[in-house]
Amino acid sequence: MTRWWEGRQQQKEELAGSLLLGKTALPVDIARMIFAVLEQEALTGQGILDL
C-alpha cells in the first residue's frame, strides 16, 4: 500500500468497485505493464489496451 492510501482503505475499496477490473492496481501490476511495454519492438496505443 502506498502512502496515498494509508488510512483510506474504505475509500480504496469503494473506488475499486467502479473500475473495469474491479480492483485497484498493485505496484507489481504496474511493474508488469511497464515490463511488457519495454519488451515490445514496436507498440501502438491499441497494443497497450490489448496487454
Protein backbone atom coordinates (compact mmCIF):
# COMPACT_ATOMS: atom_id res chain seq x y z
CA MET A 1 0.00 0.00 0.00
CA THR A 2 1.31 3.45 -0.84
CA ARG A 3 1.31 6.50 1.40
CA TRP A 4 -1.57 7.85 -0.65
CA TRP A 5 -3.88 5.07 0.57
CA GLU A 6 -2.75 4.94 4.22
CA GLY A 7 -5.85 5.37 6.37
CA ARG A 8 -8.11 5.34 3.29
CA GLN A 9 -8.75 1.60 2.89
CA GLN A 10 -12.55 2.00 2.77
CA GLN A 11 -12.30 4.71 0.10
CA LYS A 12 -9.97 2.47 -1.92
CA GLU A 13 -12.40 -0.45 -1.75
CA GLU A 14 -15.30 1.77 -2.82
CA LEU A 15 -13.30 3.09 -5.76
CA ALA A 16 -12.29 -0.40 -6.82
CA GLY A 17 -15.91 -1.39 -7.38
CA SER A 18 -16.28 1.24 -10.10
CA LEU A 19 -13.16 0.20 -12.04
CA LEU A 20 -13.26 -2.13 -15.04
CA LEU A 21 -11.18 -4.82 -13.33
CA GLY A 22 -13.00 -4.36 -10.04
CA LYS A 23 -9.76 -3.67 -8.17
CA THR A 24 -7.02 -1.09 -7.89
CA ALA A 25 -3.61 -1.87 -9.33
CA LEU A 26 -0.83 -3.07 -7.07
CA PRO A 27 2.75 -1.90 -7.61
CA VAL A 28 3.56 -5.29 -9.12
CA ASP A 29 0.73 -4.82 -11.66
CA ILE A 30 2.25 -1.52 -12.77
CA ALA A 31 5.72 -3.07 -12.97
CA ARG A 32 4.40 -5.92 -15.15
CA MET A 33 2.75 -3.43 -17.51
CA ILE A 34 5.94 -1.38 -17.83
CA PHE A 35 7.98 -4.54 -18.44
CA ALA A 36 5.53 -5.75 -21.11
CA VAL A 37 5.73 -2.38 -22.91
CA LEU A 38 9.53 -2.32 -22.78
CA GLU A 39 9.75 -5.82 -24.26
CA GLN A 40 7.94 -4.76 -27.46
CA GLU A 41 9.88 -3.87 -30.59
CA ALA A 42 7.00 -1.68 -31.75
CA LEU A 43 3.82 -0.68 -29.97
CA THR A 44 0.68 1.28 -30.76
CA GLY A 45 -1.87 2.66 -28.36
CA GLN A 46 -4.13 -0.25 -29.27
CA GLY A 47 -1.37 -2.64 -28.24
CA ILE A 48 -1.40 -1.20 -24.72
CA LEU A 49 -5.13 -1.81 -24.42
CA ASP A 50 -4.62 -5.42 -25.50
CA LEU A 51 -2.00 -6.18 -22.84
